[in-house]
Amino acid sequence: MAKKDRSFAAKIAKAGVVDKIPKCPTCGTPIQTVFLVRPVQSERGHYRFKHNVTKLCKCNRPALGL
C-alpha cells in the first residue's frame, strides 16, 4: 500500500516558498502584481479601456494614481 504524502501546507513549509516573495528595494514592502484598467477617451469622444499588468508597492502607488 502506498504511503500517504505530506499535506499541501507541509510541502509549502518545507519548500520555503513564503520567503521568496519579492520585496521593493526602496521601501522594503512586498511587491504585488496588479491588473489595472483605465478609461481612455478617443478623438470622437468615446471611451476605450486600457488594460495593464503592473507591479505595485507602497512607493509607486501614488504614481499609478491609487
Protein backbone atom coordinates (compact mmCIF):
# COMPACT_ATOMS: atom_id res chain seq x y z
CA MET A 1 0.00 0.00 0.00
CA ALA A 2 1.27 3.46 -0.84
CA LYS A 3 2.44 5.73 1.94
CA LYS A 4 0.44 8.93 2.42
CA ASP A 5 2.28 12.01 1.13
CA ARG A 6 2.60 15.24 3.08
CA SER A 7 -0.21 17.79 3.07
CA PHE A 8 -0.01 20.86 0.84
CA ALA A 9 0.77 23.12 3.81
CA ALA A 10 3.64 20.87 4.85
CA LYS A 11 5.06 20.90 1.31
CA ILE A 12 4.95 24.72 1.21
CA ALA A 13 6.57 24.99 4.63
CA LYS A 14 9.36 22.61 3.65
CA ALA A 15 9.99 24.35 0.31
CA GLY A 16 10.19 27.80 1.91
CA VAL A 17 8.06 29.42 -0.81
CA VAL A 18 6.76 32.03 1.63
CA ASP A 19 10.24 33.58 1.94
CA LYS A 20 10.63 34.09 -1.82
CA ILE A 21 8.15 36.97 -2.16
CA PRO A 22 9.96 39.82 -3.98
CA LYS A 23 10.41 42.98 -1.95
CA CYS A 24 10.88 46.55 -3.14
CA PRO A 25 14.49 47.74 -2.77
CA THR A 26 13.48 51.30 -1.79
CA CYS A 27 10.64 50.82 0.71
CA GLY A 28 11.00 47.12 1.62
CA THR A 29 7.33 46.20 1.23
CA PRO A 30 6.25 43.10 -0.75
CA ILE A 31 5.65 43.70 -4.46
CA GLN A 32 2.20 42.73 -5.74
CA THR A 33 1.18 42.16 -9.34
CA VAL A 34 -1.97 44.18 -10.11
CA PHE A 35 -4.27 44.29 -13.16
CA LEU A 36 -5.14 47.96 -13.87
CA VAL A 37 -8.00 49.08 -16.13
CA ARG A 38 -8.02 52.75 -17.14
CA PRO A 39 -10.58 54.60 -19.29
CA VAL A 40 -9.07 56.45 -22.27
CA GLN A 41 -11.13 58.92 -24.31
CA SER A 42 -10.71 58.70 -28.09
CA GLU A 43 -10.80 61.59 -30.56
CA ARG A 44 -14.50 61.03 -31.26
CA GLY A 45 -15.39 61.25 -27.57
CA HIS A 46 -15.91 57.53 -26.96
CA TYR A 47 -14.19 55.69 -24.14
CA ARG A 48 -11.92 52.68 -24.51
CA PHE A 49 -10.32 50.74 -21.70
CA LYS A 50 -6.57 50.29 -21.43
CA HIS A 51 -5.50 47.13 -19.60
CA ASN A 52 -2.12 46.93 -17.84
CA VAL A 53 -0.47 44.36 -15.59
CA THR A 54 1.76 46.33 -13.23
CA LYS A 55 3.90 45.59 -10.20
CA LEU A 56 2.73 47.64 -7.23
CA CYS A 57 4.37 48.51 -3.92
CA LYS A 58 3.99 51.26 -1.35
CA CYS A 59 6.38 53.73 -3.00
CA ASN A 60 4.93 53.68 -6.56
CA ARG A 61 1.23 53.68 -5.53
CA PRO A 62 0.83 57.50 -5.84
CA ALA A 63 2.49 57.48 -9.28
CA LEU A 64 -0.11 54.99 -10.54
CA GLY A 65 -2.98 57.07 -9.17
CA LEU A 66 -4.14 54.66 -6.49
